[in-house]
């Protein structure tokens, strides 16, 4: 597969925007607060954390979601290690990651070792990160893992529909433990239907910032 990387431009606010999908990597309001609201609260975290807890993600981007989850893990004081697997078709280079993450001093202490390790797959004392490069539609079926919680964080379904299709949602379900969860910032109807058809019980919840609604899902 040809190596492909993120194509970026930067807003005055310091938010990176994908020129390929014409969509920002995180909320223009506050990316860290968005991650906490959508992906942590949306998956009932950190209350569910336990040794070996596995988060999987569609769309690694800047790594902010991983760092936010890692910070929550440490704050929760859970013994052991958690696992985080992310699928990313267009990885961002470490210089761009560092520029984007500089906006969030709350995670600076974790961003430093993450960036020093190359901004990708790495093993830390209490966290194991695996970033799988490639189209998730091709990479996810062959993945051997199953997640306790999913962060569905691709670019907008209107601009990147390939990462939200019913076939891919079925693969997400197949790689989720019984009663596992998923959360996403979008409440697009076809995404919700795809999750429901895959076996998730789907609910709509208040969104973050300018988004009125988001989606939460529980398998089974």
N, C-alpha and C. Protein backbone atom coordinates (compact mmCIF):
# COMPACT_ATOMS: atom_id res chain seq x y z
N UNK A 1 0.84 -1.19 0.00
CA UNK A 1 0.00 0.00 0.00
C UNK A 1 0.88 1.24 0.00
N UNK A 2 0.54 2.23 -0.80
CA UNK A 2 1.29 3.46 -0.86
C UNK A 2 1.18 4.21 0.47
N UNK A 3 2.34 4.69 0.97
CA UNK A 3 2.35 5.42 2.23
C UNK A 3 1.65 6.76 2.03
N UNK A 4 0.67 7.05 2.87
CA UNK A 4 -0.07 8.29 2.77
C UNK A 4 -0.08 8.98 4.12
N UNK A 5 0.00 10.30 4.09
CA UNK A 5 0.07 11.05 5.32
C UNK A 5 -0.98 12.16 5.32
N UNK A 6 -1.20 12.70 6.50
CA UNK A 6 -2.19 13.76 6.66
C UNK A 6 -1.79 15.00 5.86
N UNK A 7 -2.77 15.64 5.27
CA UNK A 7 -2.58 16.91 4.57
C UNK A 7 -3.31 17.97 5.38
N UNK A 8 -2.55 18.96 5.88
CA UNK A 8 -3.07 19.87 6.88
C UNK A 8 -3.00 21.33 6.48
N UNK A 9 -3.90 22.10 7.07
CA UNK A 9 -3.75 23.53 7.17
C UNK A 9 -4.15 23.89 8.60
N UNK A 10 -3.75 25.07 9.04
CA UNK A 10 -3.94 25.44 10.44
C UNK A 10 -4.84 26.66 10.54
N UNK A 11 -5.85 26.55 11.38
CA UNK A 11 -6.70 27.70 11.68
C UNK A 11 -5.96 28.65 12.60
N UNK A 12 -6.40 29.90 12.64
CA UNK A 12 -5.79 30.89 13.52
C UNK A 12 -5.82 30.45 14.97
N UNK A 13 -6.81 29.64 15.31
CA UNK A 13 -6.95 29.15 16.69
C UNK A 13 -5.93 28.06 17.02
N UNK A 14 -5.18 27.61 16.01
CA UNK A 14 -4.21 26.54 16.23
C UNK A 14 -4.76 25.16 15.99
N UNK A 15 -5.99 25.07 15.51
CA UNK A 15 -6.62 23.77 15.25
C UNK A 15 -6.21 23.27 13.87
N UNK A 16 -5.68 22.04 13.76
CA UNK A 16 -5.35 21.49 12.44
C UNK A 16 -6.62 21.07 11.70
N UNK A 17 -6.63 21.32 10.40
CA UNK A 17 -7.77 20.98 9.55
C UNK A 17 -7.26 20.10 8.42
N UNK A 18 -7.95 19.00 8.18
CA UNK A 18 -7.60 18.13 7.06
C UNK A 18 -8.05 18.77 5.76
N UNK A 19 -7.12 19.01 4.86
CA UNK A 19 -7.51 19.55 3.56
C UNK A 19 -8.11 18.47 2.68
N UNK A 20 -7.80 17.21 2.97
CA UNK A 20 -8.38 16.09 2.22
C UNK A 20 -9.88 15.99 2.47
N UNK A 21 -10.29 16.22 3.73
CA UNK A 21 -11.70 16.06 4.10
C UNK A 21 -12.37 17.38 4.49
N UNK A 22 -11.60 18.47 4.46
CA UNK A 22 -12.13 19.79 4.81
C UNK A 22 -12.86 19.74 6.14
N UNK A 23 -12.16 19.22 7.16
CA UNK A 23 -12.78 19.03 8.46
C UNK A 23 -11.70 19.17 9.53
N UNK A 24 -12.00 19.85 10.64
CA UNK A 24 -11.01 19.98 11.71
C UNK A 24 -10.82 18.66 12.45
N UNK A 25 -9.64 18.50 13.04
CA UNK A 25 -9.32 17.28 13.77
C UNK A 25 -10.03 17.19 15.11
N UNK A 26 -10.39 18.32 15.66
CA UNK A 26 -11.17 18.32 16.90
C UNK A 26 -11.93 19.62 17.00
N UNK A 27 -12.76 19.72 18.02
CA UNK A 27 -13.66 20.86 18.16
C UNK A 27 -12.90 22.19 18.16
N UNK A 28 -13.45 23.17 17.45
CA UNK A 28 -12.86 24.49 17.46
C UNK A 28 -13.05 25.15 18.82
N UNK A 29 -13.98 24.63 19.62
CA UNK A 29 -14.23 25.19 20.94
C UNK A 29 -13.20 24.71 21.96
N UNK A 30 -13.06 23.40 22.10
CA UNK A 30 -12.09 22.83 23.04
C UNK A 30 -12.00 21.34 22.79
N UNK A 31 -10.93 20.92 22.13
CA UNK A 31 -10.80 19.51 21.75
C UNK A 31 -10.71 18.56 22.93
N UNK A 32 -10.04 18.98 23.99
CA UNK A 32 -9.91 18.12 25.16
C UNK A 32 -11.25 17.93 25.85
N UNK A 33 -11.98 19.02 26.03
CA UNK A 33 -13.30 18.92 26.65
C UNK A 33 -14.24 18.09 25.80
N UNK A 34 -14.11 18.19 24.48
CA UNK A 34 -14.93 17.39 23.57
C UNK A 34 -14.64 15.90 23.75
N UNK A 35 -13.36 15.54 23.82
CA UNK A 35 -13.00 14.13 24.00
C UNK A 35 -13.54 13.59 25.31
N UNK A 36 -13.42 14.38 26.36
CA UNK A 36 -13.94 13.93 27.66
C UNK A 36 -15.45 13.73 27.61
N UNK A 37 -16.15 14.65 26.98
CA UNK A 37 -17.61 14.56 26.93
C UNK A 37 -18.07 13.40 26.04
N UNK A 38 -17.52 13.35 24.82
CA UNK A 38 -18.01 12.38 23.84
C UNK A 38 -17.49 10.98 24.13
N UNK A 39 -16.19 10.84 24.27
CA UNK A 39 -15.60 9.50 24.29
C UNK A 39 -15.43 8.92 25.69
N UNK A 40 -15.08 9.73 26.66
CA UNK A 40 -15.01 9.20 28.02
C UNK A 40 -16.41 9.06 28.61
N UNK A 41 -17.13 10.17 28.73
CA UNK A 41 -18.48 10.09 29.29
C UNK A 41 -19.37 9.20 28.44
N UNK A 42 -19.21 9.25 27.11
CA UNK A 42 -20.04 8.47 26.21
C UNK A 42 -19.86 6.97 26.34
N UNK A 43 -18.72 6.57 26.90
CA UNK A 43 -18.45 5.14 27.15
C UNK A 43 -18.43 4.81 28.65
N UNK A 44 -18.98 5.72 29.46
CA UNK A 44 -19.02 5.51 30.92
C UNK A 44 -17.63 5.27 31.50
N UNK A 45 -16.69 6.09 31.07
CA UNK A 45 -15.31 6.02 31.57
C UNK A 45 -15.02 7.28 32.38
N UNK A 46 -14.23 7.14 33.43
CA UNK A 46 -13.36 6.02 33.80
C UNK A 46 -13.99 4.94 34.69
N UNK A 47 -15.28 5.00 34.95
CA UNK A 47 -15.91 4.08 35.91
C UNK A 47 -15.70 2.61 35.52
N UNK A 48 -15.59 2.31 34.22
CA UNK A 48 -15.47 0.92 33.77
C UNK A 48 -14.03 0.43 33.70
N UNK A 49 -13.06 1.29 33.91
CA UNK A 49 -11.67 0.89 33.79
C UNK A 49 -11.33 -0.27 34.71
N UNK A 50 -10.51 -1.18 34.20
CA UNK A 50 -9.95 -2.30 34.96
C UNK A 50 -8.67 -2.69 34.26
N UNK A 51 -7.84 -3.47 34.92
CA UNK A 51 -6.60 -3.91 34.30
C UNK A 51 -6.91 -4.65 33.00
N UNK A 52 -6.24 -4.27 31.93
CA UNK A 52 -6.44 -4.90 30.63
C UNK A 52 -7.55 -4.28 29.81
N UNK A 53 -8.20 -3.24 30.30
CA UNK A 53 -9.28 -2.59 29.55
C UNK A 53 -8.76 -2.17 28.18
N UNK A 54 -9.58 -2.42 27.15
CA UNK A 54 -9.13 -2.18 25.77
C UNK A 54 -10.06 -1.17 25.08
N UNK A 55 -9.48 -0.06 24.68
CA UNK A 55 -10.18 0.94 23.86
C UNK A 55 -9.70 0.80 22.43
N UNK A 56 -10.63 0.84 21.49
CA UNK A 56 -10.27 0.87 20.07
C UNK A 56 -10.88 2.12 19.45
N UNK A 57 -10.27 2.56 18.37
CA UNK A 57 -10.65 3.85 17.80
C UNK A 57 -10.55 3.84 16.28
N UNK A 58 -11.47 4.51 15.65
CA UNK A 58 -11.37 4.78 14.21
C UNK A 58 -10.97 6.24 14.06
N UNK A 59 -9.73 6.47 13.61
CA UNK A 59 -9.24 7.82 13.40
C UNK A 59 -8.35 8.30 14.52
N UNK A 60 -7.02 8.09 14.41
CA UNK A 60 -6.10 8.45 15.49
C UNK A 60 -5.80 9.95 15.53
N UNK A 61 -5.64 10.55 14.36
CA UNK A 61 -5.43 11.98 14.29
C UNK A 61 -4.22 12.47 15.05
N UNK A 62 -4.44 13.42 15.96
CA UNK A 62 -3.35 14.04 16.72
C UNK A 62 -2.89 13.19 17.90
N UNK A 63 -3.66 12.15 18.23
CA UNK A 63 -3.38 11.36 19.43
C UNK A 63 -4.03 11.92 20.68
N UNK A 64 -4.81 12.99 20.55
CA UNK A 64 -5.43 13.61 21.71
C UNK A 64 -6.36 12.67 22.46
N UNK A 65 -7.12 11.86 21.74
CA UNK A 65 -8.04 10.93 22.42
C UNK A 65 -7.27 9.92 23.28
N UNK A 66 -6.18 9.41 22.73
CA UNK A 66 -5.36 8.48 23.50
C UNK A 66 -4.81 9.15 24.75
N UNK A 67 -4.27 10.34 24.61
CA UNK A 67 -3.69 11.03 25.75
C UNK A 67 -4.75 11.36 26.80
N UNK A 68 -5.94 11.72 26.35
CA UNK A 68 -7.03 12.03 27.28
C UNK A 68 -7.44 10.78 28.05
N UNK A 69 -7.53 9.65 27.35
CA UNK A 69 -7.86 8.39 28.01
C UNK A 69 -6.76 7.98 28.98
N UNK A 70 -5.52 8.16 28.58
CA UNK A 70 -4.38 7.81 29.43
C UNK A 70 -4.39 8.66 30.70
N UNK A 71 -4.65 9.94 30.56
CA UNK A 71 -4.73 10.82 31.72
C UNK A 71 -5.85 10.39 32.66
N UNK A 72 -6.99 10.01 32.08
CA UNK A 72 -8.13 9.55 32.89
C UNK A 72 -7.78 8.26 33.62
N UNK A 73 -7.06 7.38 32.94
CA UNK A 73 -6.63 6.12 33.55
C UNK A 73 -5.75 6.41 34.78
N UNK A 74 -4.79 7.30 34.61
CA UNK A 74 -3.91 7.62 35.73
C UNK A 74 -4.66 8.30 36.86
N UNK A 75 -5.54 9.21 36.51
CA UNK A 75 -6.32 9.90 37.54
C UNK A 75 -7.20 8.93 38.32
N UNK A 76 -7.66 7.87 37.64
CA UNK A 76 -8.53 6.89 38.29
C UNK A 76 -7.75 5.97 39.23
N UNK A 77 -6.44 5.91 39.06
CA UNK A 77 -5.62 5.10 39.95
C UNK A 77 -5.80 3.61 39.78
N UNK A 78 -6.16 3.18 38.58
CA UNK A 78 -6.37 1.75 38.33
C UNK A 78 -5.02 1.05 38.20
N UNK A 79 -4.87 -0.07 38.88
CA UNK A 79 -3.63 -0.84 38.78
C UNK A 79 -3.57 -1.55 37.44
N UNK A 80 -2.35 -1.75 36.94
CA UNK A 80 -2.18 -2.48 35.69
C UNK A 80 -2.02 -1.57 34.50
N UNK A 81 -2.43 -2.07 33.34
CA UNK A 81 -2.21 -1.37 32.08
C UNK A 81 -3.47 -1.43 31.24
N UNK A 82 -3.73 -0.35 30.50
CA UNK A 82 -4.83 -0.40 29.53
C UNK A 82 -4.25 -0.41 28.13
N UNK A 83 -5.07 -0.89 27.19
CA UNK A 83 -4.66 -1.02 25.79
C UNK A 83 -5.48 -0.06 24.93
N UNK A 84 -4.83 0.53 23.96
CA UNK A 84 -5.49 1.47 23.07
C UNK A 84 -5.04 1.15 21.65
N UNK A 85 -5.98 0.73 20.81
CA UNK A 85 -5.69 0.41 19.41
C UNK A 85 -6.44 1.37 18.52
N UNK A 86 -5.73 1.99 17.58
CA UNK A 86 -6.37 2.97 16.70
C UNK A 86 -6.04 2.67 15.24
N UNK A 87 -7.02 2.89 14.38
CA UNK A 87 -6.86 2.69 12.95
C UNK A 87 -6.80 4.06 12.27
N UNK A 88 -5.74 4.30 11.50
CA UNK A 88 -5.53 5.61 10.89
C UNK A 88 -5.00 5.46 9.47
N UNK A 89 -5.74 5.98 8.51
CA UNK A 89 -5.34 5.86 7.11
C UNK A 89 -4.30 6.91 6.72
N UNK A 90 -4.35 8.08 7.37
CA UNK A 90 -3.48 9.18 6.97
C UNK A 90 -2.78 9.74 8.21
N UNK A 91 -1.72 9.09 8.65
CA UNK A 91 -1.07 9.50 9.91
C UNK A 91 -0.45 10.89 9.83
N UNK A 92 -0.50 11.57 10.95
CA UNK A 92 0.09 12.89 11.10
C UNK A 92 1.53 12.75 11.58
N UNK A 93 2.44 13.59 11.09
CA UNK A 93 3.82 13.49 11.57
C UNK A 93 3.94 14.09 12.97
N UNK A 94 5.01 13.74 13.65
CA UNK A 94 5.14 14.11 15.06
C UNK A 94 5.25 15.62 15.26
N UNK A 95 5.84 16.33 14.32
CA UNK A 95 5.93 17.79 14.46
C UNK A 95 4.54 18.41 14.45
N UNK A 96 3.67 17.92 13.57
CA UNK A 96 2.30 18.43 13.52
C UNK A 96 1.53 18.04 14.77
N UNK A 97 1.73 16.80 15.22
CA UNK A 97 1.10 16.38 16.48
C UNK A 97 1.51 17.30 17.62
N UNK A 98 2.80 17.57 17.72
CA UNK A 98 3.30 18.41 18.80
C UNK A 98 2.69 19.80 18.74
N UNK A 99 2.57 20.34 17.55
CA UNK A 99 1.97 21.67 17.39
C UNK A 99 0.51 21.67 17.84
N UNK A 100 -0.23 20.64 17.45
CA UNK A 100 -1.64 20.56 17.83
C UNK A 100 -1.80 20.33 19.33
N UNK A 101 -0.99 19.45 19.89
CA UNK A 101 -1.14 19.09 21.30
C UNK A 101 -0.65 20.18 22.24
N UNK A 102 0.15 21.11 21.73
CA UNK A 102 0.64 22.21 22.56
C UNK A 102 -0.50 23.06 23.11
N UNK A 103 -1.68 22.97 22.48
CA UNK A 103 -2.84 23.73 22.94
C UNK A 103 -3.44 23.16 24.21
N UNK A 104 -2.96 21.98 24.66
CA UNK A 104 -3.58 21.30 25.79
C UNK A 104 -2.54 21.00 26.87
N UNK A 105 -2.19 22.00 27.66
CA UNK A 105 -1.17 21.79 28.70
C UNK A 105 -1.57 20.73 29.72
N UNK A 106 -2.88 20.45 29.83
CA UNK A 106 -3.33 19.44 30.79
C UNK A 106 -2.75 18.05 30.49
N UNK A 107 -2.41 17.79 29.24
CA UNK A 107 -1.87 16.48 28.89
C UNK A 107 -0.40 16.55 28.48
N UNK A 108 0.24 17.68 28.76
CA UNK A 108 1.62 17.88 28.32
C UNK A 108 2.56 16.83 28.91
N UNK A 109 2.31 16.44 30.16
CA UNK A 109 3.18 15.46 30.80
C UNK A 109 3.14 14.10 30.15
N UNK A 110 2.03 13.76 29.50
CA UNK A 110 1.91 12.50 28.77
C UNK A 110 2.26 12.67 27.30
N UNK A 111 2.01 13.87 26.78
CA UNK A 111 2.34 14.12 25.36
C UNK A 111 3.84 13.99 25.13
N UNK A 112 4.66 14.40 26.11
CA UNK A 112 6.11 14.36 25.92
C UNK A 112 6.63 12.95 25.66
N UNK A 113 6.33 11.97 26.52
CA UNK A 113 6.81 10.61 26.21
C UNK A 113 6.16 10.01 24.98
N UNK A 114 4.89 10.37 24.73
CA UNK A 114 4.21 9.89 23.53
C UNK A 114 4.92 10.37 22.27
N UNK A 115 5.24 11.65 22.23
CA UNK A 115 5.93 12.21 21.06
C UNK A 115 7.36 11.69 20.97
N UNK A 116 8.01 11.55 22.12
CA UNK A 116 9.38 11.03 22.12
C UNK A 116 9.46 9.62 21.57
N UNK A 117 8.36 8.87 21.76
CA UNK A 117 8.30 7.49 21.25
C UNK A 117 7.92 7.43 19.78
N UNK A 118 7.68 8.59 19.16
CA UNK A 118 7.40 8.63 17.73
C UNK A 118 5.96 8.92 17.36
N UNK A 119 5.10 9.10 18.36
CA UNK A 119 3.71 9.45 18.06
C UNK A 119 2.89 8.31 17.47
N UNK A 120 3.32 7.08 17.72
CA UNK A 120 2.60 5.92 17.20
C UNK A 120 2.67 4.78 18.18
N UNK A 121 2.70 3.56 17.68
CA UNK A 121 2.70 2.38 18.55
C UNK A 121 3.86 2.44 19.54
N UNK A 122 3.51 2.21 20.81
CA UNK A 122 4.53 2.26 21.86
C UNK A 122 3.98 1.59 23.11
N UNK A 123 4.89 1.15 23.95
CA UNK A 123 4.51 0.53 25.22
C UNK A 123 5.03 1.40 26.37
N UNK A 124 4.15 1.79 27.24
CA UNK A 124 4.50 2.60 28.38
C UNK A 124 4.24 1.79 29.66
N UNK A 125 4.61 2.36 30.79
CA UNK A 125 4.49 1.63 32.05
C UNK A 125 3.06 1.17 32.30
N UNK A 126 2.08 2.01 32.01
CA UNK A 126 0.68 1.68 32.32
C UNK A 126 -0.24 1.76 31.11
N UNK A 127 0.32 1.83 29.93
CA UNK A 127 -0.49 1.93 28.71
C UNK A 127 0.24 1.30 27.54
N UNK A 128 -0.53 0.63 26.68
CA UNK A 128 0.04 0.06 25.46
C UNK A 128 -0.75 0.60 24.27
N UNK A 129 -0.06 1.30 23.39
CA UNK A 129 -0.67 1.95 22.23
C UNK A 129 -0.28 1.23 20.96
N UNK A 130 -1.29 0.88 20.16
CA UNK A 130 -1.06 0.29 18.84
C UNK A 130 -1.79 1.13 17.80
N UNK A 131 -1.05 1.68 16.86
CA UNK A 131 -1.65 2.44 15.77
C UNK A 131 -1.47 1.63 14.49
N UNK A 132 -2.59 1.24 13.90
CA UNK A 132 -2.58 0.42 12.68
C UNK A 132 -2.85 1.33 11.50
N UNK A 133 -1.85 1.47 10.63
CA UNK A 133 -1.98 2.37 9.50
C UNK A 133 -2.68 1.66 8.34
N UNK A 134 -3.65 2.36 7.75
CA UNK A 134 -4.35 1.83 6.59
C UNK A 134 -5.84 2.06 6.69
N UNK A 135 -6.51 1.78 5.62
CA UNK A 135 -7.96 1.91 5.56
C UNK A 135 -8.59 0.92 6.53
N UNK A 136 -9.38 1.44 7.47
CA UNK A 136 -9.98 0.57 8.48
C UNK A 136 -10.87 -0.50 7.86
N UNK A 137 -11.46 -0.22 6.71
CA UNK A 137 -12.32 -1.21 6.06
C UNK A 137 -11.53 -2.45 5.67
N UNK A 138 -10.22 -2.27 5.43
CA UNK A 138 -9.36 -3.38 5.08
C UNK A 138 -8.62 -3.94 6.29
N UNK A 139 -8.27 -3.07 7.23
CA UNK A 139 -7.44 -3.49 8.35
C UNK A 139 -8.23 -4.10 9.49
N UNK A 140 -9.43 -3.59 9.76
CA UNK A 140 -10.18 -4.04 10.92
C UNK A 140 -10.59 -5.51 10.83
N UNK A 141 -11.04 -6.03 9.68
CA UNK A 141 -11.46 -7.43 9.64
C UNK A 141 -10.38 -8.41 10.09
N UNK A 142 -9.12 -8.08 9.83
CA UNK A 142 -8.04 -8.98 10.19
C UNK A 142 -7.47 -8.76 11.58
N UNK A 143 -7.99 -7.76 12.29
CA UNK A 143 -7.51 -7.48 13.65
C UNK A 143 -7.95 -8.60 14.59
N UNK A 144 -7.08 -9.02 15.46
CA UNK A 144 -7.37 -10.14 16.35
C UNK A 144 -7.99 -9.71 17.68
N UNK A 145 -8.03 -8.40 17.94
CA UNK A 145 -8.50 -7.92 19.22
C UNK A 145 -10.01 -7.69 19.28
N UNK A 146 -10.48 -7.47 20.51
CA UNK A 146 -11.86 -7.04 20.74
C UNK A 146 -11.84 -5.95 21.80
N UNK A 147 -12.59 -4.91 21.57
CA UNK A 147 -12.54 -3.74 22.42
C UNK A 147 -13.66 -3.75 23.46
N UNK A 148 -13.35 -3.19 24.62
CA UNK A 148 -14.38 -2.92 25.62
C UNK A 148 -15.14 -1.65 25.28
N UNK A 149 -14.46 -0.72 24.62
CA UNK A 149 -15.08 0.56 24.26
C UNK A 149 -14.49 1.06 22.94
N UNK A 150 -15.32 1.65 22.12
CA UNK A 150 -14.90 2.21 20.83
C UNK A 150 -15.06 3.72 20.84
N UNK A 151 -14.02 4.40 20.33
CA UNK A 151 -14.10 5.82 20.02
C UNK A 151 -14.25 5.92 18.49
N UNK A 152 -15.44 6.24 18.02
CA UNK A 152 -15.68 6.37 16.57
C UNK A 152 -15.47 7.84 16.21
N UNK A 153 -14.27 8.14 15.70
CA UNK A 153 -13.85 9.54 15.57
C UNK A 153 -13.29 9.84 14.19
N UNK A 154 -13.89 9.26 13.16
CA UNK A 154 -13.49 9.64 11.81
C UNK A 154 -13.97 11.05 11.49
N UNK A 155 -13.54 11.56 10.35
CA UNK A 155 -14.03 12.87 9.93
C UNK A 155 -15.53 12.80 9.66
N UNK A 156 -16.15 13.95 9.54
CA UNK A 156 -17.60 14.07 9.41
C UNK A 156 -18.18 13.04 8.44
N UNK A 157 -19.25 12.35 8.83
CA UNK A 157 -19.86 11.39 7.92
C UNK A 157 -20.26 11.98 6.57
N UNK A 158 -20.55 13.27 6.55
CA UNK A 158 -20.91 13.91 5.29
C UNK A 158 -19.70 14.04 4.37
N UNK A 159 -18.50 14.08 4.94
CA UNK A 159 -17.29 14.29 4.15
C UNK A 159 -16.41 13.05 4.05
N UNK A 160 -16.61 12.08 4.94
CA UNK A 160 -15.82 10.86 4.97
C UNK A 160 -16.74 9.66 5.22
N UNK A 161 -17.76 9.47 4.34
CA UNK A 161 -18.77 8.44 4.61
C UNK A 161 -18.20 7.02 4.65
N UNK A 162 -17.04 6.81 4.02
CA UNK A 162 -16.47 5.47 3.98
C UNK A 162 -16.17 4.91 5.37
N UNK A 163 -15.90 5.80 6.33
CA UNK A 163 -15.53 5.35 7.67
C UNK A 163 -16.74 5.15 8.58
N UNK A 164 -17.94 5.28 8.01
CA UNK A 164 -19.16 5.19 8.81
C UNK A 164 -20.18 4.22 8.23
N UNK A 165 -19.80 3.48 7.21
CA UNK A 165 -20.75 2.62 6.54
C UNK A 165 -21.21 1.44 7.38
N UNK A 166 -22.35 0.85 6.99
CA UNK A 166 -22.94 -0.26 7.74
C UNK A 166 -22.00 -1.46 7.80
N UNK A 167 -21.27 -1.73 6.72
CA UNK A 167 -20.34 -2.86 6.72
C UNK A 167 -19.25 -2.68 7.77
N UNK A 168 -18.74 -1.46 7.89
CA UNK A 168 -17.69 -1.21 8.86
C UNK A 168 -18.25 -1.24 10.29
N UNK A 169 -19.46 -0.75 10.48
CA UNK A 169 -20.07 -0.82 11.80
C UNK A 169 -20.28 -2.28 12.22
N UNK A 170 -20.57 -3.14 11.26
CA UNK A 170 -20.70 -4.57 11.56
C UNK A 170 -19.35 -5.14 12.00
N UNK A 171 -18.27 -4.68 11.39
CA UNK A 171 -16.94 -5.13 11.79
C UNK A 171 -16.60 -4.61 13.18
N UNK A 172 -17.01 -3.38 13.47
CA UNK A 172 -16.81 -2.84 14.82
C UNK A 172 -17.51 -3.75 15.84
N UNK A 173 -18.75 -4.11 15.57
CA UNK A 173 -19.50 -4.97 16.49
C UNK A 173 -18.81 -6.32 16.67
N UNK A 174 -18.29 -6.87 15.57
CA UNK A 174 -17.63 -8.17 15.63
C UNK A 174 -16.35 -8.14 16.46
N UNK A 175 -15.81 -6.93 16.66
CA UNK A 175 -14.59 -6.76 17.43
C UNK A 175 -14.87 -5.99 18.72
N UNK A 176 -16.04 -6.27 19.30
CA UNK A 176 -16.44 -5.68 20.57
C UNK A 176 -16.83 -6.79 21.53
N UNK A 177 -16.44 -6.67 22.78
CA UNK A 177 -16.81 -7.69 23.77
C UNK A 177 -18.30 -7.60 24.06
N UNK A 178 -18.93 -8.66 24.56
CA UNK A 178 -20.34 -8.58 24.93
C UNK A 178 -20.59 -7.42 25.90
N UNK A 179 -21.63 -6.65 25.63
CA UNK A 179 -21.98 -5.47 26.42
C UNK A 179 -20.95 -4.36 26.32
N UNK A 180 -20.04 -4.47 25.35
CA UNK A 180 -19.11 -3.38 25.10
C UNK A 180 -19.84 -2.17 24.53
N UNK A 181 -19.15 -1.05 24.48
CA UNK A 181 -19.79 0.21 24.11
C UNK A 181 -19.07 0.90 22.97
N UNK A 182 -19.77 1.87 22.40
CA UNK A 182 -19.20 2.76 21.38
C UNK A 182 -19.80 4.13 21.57
N UNK A 183 -19.05 5.14 21.21
CA UNK A 183 -19.55 6.51 21.28
C UNK A 183 -18.98 7.31 20.13
N UNK A 184 -19.74 8.28 19.67
CA UNK A 184 -19.29 9.16 18.61
C UNK A 184 -19.98 10.51 18.71
N UNK A 185 -19.31 11.52 18.17
CA UNK A 185 -19.84 12.88 18.21
C UNK A 185 -21.02 13.07 17.26
N UNK A 186 -21.18 12.18 16.28
CA UNK A 186 -22.21 12.37 15.27
C UNK A 186 -23.52 11.68 15.66
N UNK A 187 -24.62 12.27 15.22
CA UNK A 187 -25.93 11.64 15.39
C UNK A 187 -26.57 11.40 14.03
N UNK A 188 -25.73 11.30 12.99
CA UNK A 188 -26.25 11.08 11.64
C UNK A 188 -27.09 9.81 11.60
N UNK A 189 -28.22 9.89 10.93
CA UNK A 189 -29.16 8.78 10.91
C UNK A 189 -28.57 7.50 10.37
N UNK A 190 -27.80 7.57 9.29
CA UNK A 190 -27.30 6.33 8.69
C UNK A 190 -26.24 5.69 9.58
N UNK A 191 -25.53 6.49 10.37
CA UNK A 191 -24.57 5.93 11.32
C UNK A 191 -25.31 5.19 12.44
N UNK A 192 -26.33 5.81 12.96
CA UNK A 192 -27.13 5.19 14.02
C UNK A 192 -27.77 3.89 13.54
N UNK A 193 -28.31 3.92 12.32
CA UNK A 193 -28.93 2.72 11.78
C UNK A 193 -27.90 1.62 11.57
N UNK A 194 -26.72 1.99 11.10
CA UNK A 194 -25.67 1.00 10.90
C UNK A 194 -25.27 0.32 12.20
N UNK A 195 -25.18 1.10 13.28
CA UNK A 195 -24.86 0.53 14.59
C UNK A 195 -25.98 -0.38 15.08
N UNK A 196 -27.21 0.07 14.89
CA UNK A 196 -28.36 -0.75 15.30
C UNK A 196 -28.40 -2.07 14.53
N UNK A 197 -28.18 -2.00 13.23
CA UNK A 197 -28.19 -3.22 12.41
C UNK A 197 -27.07 -4.17 12.80
N UNK A 198 -25.99 -3.61 13.35
CA UNK A 198 -24.85 -4.43 13.76
C UNK A 198 -25.06 -5.07 15.12
N UNK A 199 -26.14 -4.71 15.82
CA UNK A 199 -26.44 -5.34 17.10
C UNK A 199 -26.30 -4.44 18.31
N UNK A 200 -26.01 -3.16 18.09
CA UNK A 200 -25.90 -2.22 19.20
C UNK A 200 -27.28 -1.65 19.55
N UNK A 201 -27.48 -1.39 20.83
CA UNK A 201 -28.62 -0.59 21.28
C UNK A 201 -28.14 0.85 21.31
N UNK A 202 -28.78 1.69 20.54
CA UNK A 202 -28.28 3.05 20.29
C UNK A 202 -29.16 4.08 20.98
N UNK A 203 -28.53 5.05 21.62
CA UNK A 203 -29.25 6.16 22.23
C UNK A 203 -28.62 7.47 21.80
N UNK A 204 -29.43 8.50 21.78
CA UNK A 204 -28.95 9.83 21.45
C UNK A 204 -28.74 10.60 22.74
N UNK A 205 -27.65 11.32 22.82
CA UNK A 205 -27.30 12.06 24.03
C UNK A 205 -26.94 13.49 23.65
N UNK A 206 -26.93 14.41 24.60
CA UNK A 206 -26.53 15.79 24.30
C UNK A 206 -25.11 15.84 23.77
N UNK A 207 -24.93 16.60 22.70
CA UNK A 207 -23.62 16.72 22.09
C UNK A 207 -22.74 17.74 22.80
N UNK A 208 -21.55 17.93 22.25
CA UNK A 208 -20.61 18.88 22.82
C UNK A 208 -20.61 20.17 22.01
N UNK A 209 -20.53 21.28 22.71
CA UNK A 209 -20.38 22.56 22.04
C UNK A 209 -21.53 22.86 21.10
N UNK A 210 -21.19 23.05 19.83
CA UNK A 210 -22.19 23.44 18.83
C UNK A 210 -23.02 22.26 18.32
N UNK A 211 -22.62 21.05 18.71
CA UNK A 211 -23.35 19.87 18.25
C UNK A 211 -24.49 19.57 19.22
N UNK A 212 -25.69 19.53 18.69
CA UNK A 212 -26.86 19.33 19.54
C UNK A 212 -26.92 17.93 20.13
N UNK A 213 -26.57 16.93 19.31
CA UNK A 213 -26.67 15.54 19.76
C UNK A 213 -25.40 14.76 19.40
N UNK A 214 -25.19 13.67 20.14
CA UNK A 214 -24.16 12.69 19.84
C UNK A 214 -24.78 11.30 19.99
N UNK A 215 -24.00 10.26 19.77
CA UNK A 215 -24.53 8.89 19.81
C UNK A 215 -23.75 8.04 20.79
N UNK A 216 -24.51 7.27 21.59
CA UNK A 216 -23.94 6.26 22.47
C UNK A 216 -24.53 4.92 22.07
N UNK A 217 -23.74 3.84 22.22
CA UNK A 217 -24.23 2.52 21.81
C UNK A 217 -23.67 1.45 22.72
N UNK A 218 -24.50 0.44 23.00
CA UNK A 218 -24.10 -0.70 23.82
C UNK A 218 -24.41 -1.97 23.02
N UNK A 219 -23.45 -2.88 22.94
CA UNK A 219 -23.65 -4.10 22.15
C UNK A 219 -24.58 -5.06 22.89
N UNK A 220 -25.63 -5.48 22.20
CA UNK A 220 -26.55 -6.44 22.78
C UNK A 220 -27.79 -5.78 23.35
